[in-house]
Amino acid sequence: MTTETEVMKPAFLADETDRKVCFICSKGNLDMAYPALIMANGAVGEGIETHIFFTFWGLDMINRKTMNDLKFTLLGNTAMHPPRRFGISMPQWLGGLPGMTAMATRMLRKQIGDQGVPPVPEFLSMLVDSGAKLWACKMTVDMMGLTLEDMHDGVSEIINVAEFLELSEGAQIVFV
């Protein structure tokens, strides 16, 4: 007995989608900023309703005073290695030496830039211009003594957890 099976097509091939995704950014390191921004960019590009919620140190990504100076460190990052062309790995203990965070940060910024990926503030503006919504966590903003005026221009609002839970209803949630 044969049965016909319906061909499934991914939602991004449909003209419209009711998909929604919410990224929670809780870390403010340079290497933790880009995964959420890149995934959000992909989602927006596929027509998926996209929200990014910044909490705790993730707020550094949208704080005007810190967003241009995110750092990358070898310490605590056991997967760190220089570009493959050098053919060596870096012992984690090197991260404790003076100047290593600055060197690792410069190296990562160059690698990211070489891929045509914009700096964090420009990437945030690009996402907002494409339809993504940026939200700041009220408790974290209060805890750090910040206001909406301290945030990137694209931040829609400062919201509490209950408001985030309401806007994320039915969404895929990705914690970065």
Protein backbone atom coordinates (compact mmCIF):
# COMPACT_ATOMS: atom_id res chain seq x y z
CA MET A 1 0.00 0.00 0.00
CA THR A 2 1.44 3.35 -0.99
CA THR A 3 0.57 6.66 0.56
CA GLU A 4 1.33 10.11 -0.64
CA THR A 5 3.31 12.21 1.73
CA GLU A 6 2.96 15.93 1.85
CA VAL A 7 6.15 17.74 1.02
CA MET A 8 7.16 19.88 3.96
CA LYS A 9 8.78 23.17 3.17
CA PRO A 10 10.63 25.24 5.76
CA ALA A 11 8.78 28.27 7.07
CA PHE A 12 11.39 30.59 5.57
CA LEU A 13 10.27 29.53 2.10
CA ALA A 14 6.70 30.65 2.80
CA ASP A 15 5.58 34.13 1.85
CA GLU A 16 4.69 34.92 5.44
CA THR A 17 5.65 33.34 8.71
CA ASP A 18 4.24 33.52 12.21
CA ARG A 19 7.52 32.35 13.71
CA LYS A 20 9.07 34.32 16.53
CA VAL A 21 12.47 34.06 18.19
CA CYS A 22 13.82 35.76 21.32
CA PHE A 23 17.51 35.88 22.11
CA ILE A 24 18.61 36.50 25.69
CA CYS A 25 22.06 38.09 25.88
CA SER A 26 23.57 37.73 29.35
CA LYS A 27 27.27 38.14 28.61
CA GLY A 28 29.14 41.22 27.45
CA ASN A 29 32.33 39.70 26.07
CA LEU A 30 33.14 40.33 22.42
CA ASP A 31 32.98 36.61 21.61
CA MET A 32 29.56 36.32 23.28
CA ALA A 33 28.07 39.34 21.51
CA TYR A 34 28.34 38.09 17.96
CA PRO A 35 26.57 34.70 18.13
CA ALA A 36 23.26 36.30 19.15
CA LEU A 37 23.61 39.17 16.67
CA ILE A 38 24.47 36.85 13.79
CA MET A 39 21.60 34.46 14.60
CA ALA A 40 19.21 37.40 15.01
CA ASN A 41 20.32 38.76 11.64
CA GLY A 42 19.60 35.39 10.04
CA ALA A 43 16.17 35.26 11.66
CA VAL A 44 15.21 38.78 10.58
CA GLY A 45 16.46 37.98 7.09
CA GLU A 46 14.08 35.02 6.95
CA GLY A 47 11.13 37.18 8.01
CA ILE A 48 10.99 35.81 11.55
CA GLU A 49 9.82 38.20 14.27
CA THR A 50 13.01 38.78 16.25
CA HIS A 51 13.57 40.14 19.77
CA ILE A 52 16.83 40.50 21.70
CA PHE A 53 16.67 40.89 25.49
CA PHE A 54 19.84 42.16 27.20
CA THR A 55 20.37 41.32 30.86
CA PHE A 56 23.27 41.39 33.33
CA TRP A 57 26.60 41.76 31.51
CA GLY A 58 24.86 41.43 28.16
CA LEU A 59 23.75 45.01 28.81
CA ASP A 60 27.34 46.02 27.93
CA MET A 61 26.39 45.31 24.31
CA ILE A 62 23.82 48.13 24.30
CA ASN A 63 25.32 50.50 26.89
CA ARG A 64 26.76 53.53 25.05
CA LYS A 65 29.73 53.62 27.47
CA THR A 66 30.77 50.01 26.91
CA MET A 67 29.44 48.77 23.55
CA ASN A 68 32.44 50.07 21.56
CA ASP A 69 34.94 48.48 23.93
CA LEU A 70 33.86 44.86 24.41
CA LYS A 71 36.82 42.61 25.22
CA PHE A 72 37.87 39.05 24.55
CA THR A 73 40.07 37.11 26.94
CA LEU A 74 41.87 33.78 26.83
CA LEU A 75 41.16 33.20 30.51
CA GLY A 76 38.34 30.76 31.01
CA ASN A 77 38.15 30.09 27.27
CA THR A 78 39.66 26.66 26.76
CA ALA A 79 38.69 26.58 23.10
CA MET A 80 40.71 29.67 22.18
CA HIS A 81 43.21 29.29 19.40
CA PRO A 82 44.79 31.70 16.93
CA PRO A 83 43.83 31.60 13.25
CA ARG A 84 44.68 28.22 11.67
CA ARG A 85 47.39 29.77 9.51
CA PHE A 86 49.64 29.94 12.60
CA GLY A 87 49.22 26.23 13.33
CA ILE A 88 49.65 26.63 17.08
CA SER A 89 47.38 26.65 20.07
CA MET A 90 47.58 29.10 22.95
CA PRO A 91 47.90 27.81 26.49
CA GLN A 92 45.16 29.29 28.63
CA TRP A 93 47.62 30.58 31.24
CA LEU A 94 48.97 33.07 28.67
CA GLY A 95 45.75 35.02 29.16
CA GLY A 96 47.00 36.18 32.55
CA LEU A 97 50.00 37.96 31.10
CA PRO A 98 49.81 41.75 30.71
CA GLY A 99 48.55 42.80 27.29
CA MET A 100 47.10 39.41 26.32
CA THR A 101 43.45 40.51 26.57
CA ALA A 102 44.19 43.51 24.34
CA MET A 103 46.02 41.29 21.85
CA ALA A 104 43.29 38.63 21.81
CA THR A 105 40.62 41.34 21.43
CA ARG A 106 42.46 42.93 18.47
CA MET A 107 42.92 39.52 16.85
CA LEU A 108 39.24 38.60 17.21
CA ARG A 109 38.05 42.01 15.95
CA LYS A 110 40.26 41.61 12.90
CA GLN A 111 38.98 38.09 12.20
CA ILE A 112 35.37 39.26 12.53
CA GLY A 113 36.01 42.34 10.39
CA ASP A 114 37.72 40.21 7.73
CA GLN A 115 34.40 38.36 7.38
CA GLY A 116 32.61 41.63 6.63
CA VAL A 117 30.76 41.62 9.93
CA PRO A 118 30.23 45.12 11.34
CA PRO A 119 31.21 46.29 14.85
CA VAL A 120 28.59 45.68 17.56
CA PRO A 121 26.97 49.19 17.57
CA GLU A 122 26.63 49.19 13.77
CA PHE A 123 25.30 45.61 13.82
CA LEU A 124 22.66 46.60 16.39
CA SER A 125 21.53 49.51 14.19
CA MET A 126 21.40 47.22 11.17
CA LEU A 127 19.23 44.74 13.09
CA VAL A 128 16.82 47.45 14.25
CA ASP A 129 16.61 48.87 10.71
CA SER A 130 15.72 45.35 9.54
CA GLY A 131 12.90 45.00 12.08
CA ALA A 132 14.47 43.36 15.15
CA LYS A 133 13.45 44.69 18.56
CA LEU A 134 15.99 45.34 21.32
CA TRP A 135 14.96 45.26 24.98
CA ALA A 136 16.86 46.06 28.17
CA CYS A 137 16.21 44.23 31.46
CA LYS A 138 14.70 46.56 34.05
CA MET A 139 16.27 44.89 37.07
CA THR A 140 19.74 45.00 35.50
CA VAL A 141 19.33 48.61 34.34
CA ASP A 142 18.23 49.61 37.86
CA MET A 143 21.01 47.57 39.48
CA MET A 144 23.63 49.31 37.30
CA GLY A 145 22.12 52.78 37.76
CA LEU A 146 21.41 53.23 34.04
CA THR A 147 18.53 54.75 32.06
CA LEU A 148 17.17 54.41 28.54
CA GLU A 149 19.29 57.42 27.57
CA ASP A 150 22.40 55.34 28.37
CA MET A 151 21.37 52.72 25.81
CA HIS A 152 21.88 52.31 22.06
CA ASP A 153 19.28 54.33 20.14
CA GLY A 154 17.68 51.13 18.87
CA VAL A 155 16.60 49.89 22.30
CA SER A 156 12.79 49.93 22.26
CA GLU A 157 12.21 49.93 26.00
CA ILE A 158 13.40 48.82 29.38
CA ILE A 159 11.12 45.95 30.38
CA ASN A 160 10.73 43.63 33.34
CA VAL A 161 10.66 39.84 33.29
CA ALA A 162 6.85 39.65 33.17
CA GLU A 163 6.82 41.87 30.08
CA PHE A 164 9.56 39.78 28.47
CA LEU A 165 7.61 36.59 29.17
CA GLU A 166 4.54 38.12 27.58
CA LEU A 167 6.34 39.24 24.41
CA SER A 168 8.15 35.90 24.11
CA GLU A 169 4.98 33.81 24.30
CA GLY A 170 5.06 31.23 21.52
CA ALA A 171 8.63 32.11 20.57
CA GLN A 172 11.75 30.01 20.35
CA ILE A 173 14.02 31.27 23.12
CA VAL A 174 17.79 31.17 22.67
CA PHE A 175 19.91 31.95 25.72
CA VAL A 176 23.38 33.22 24.80
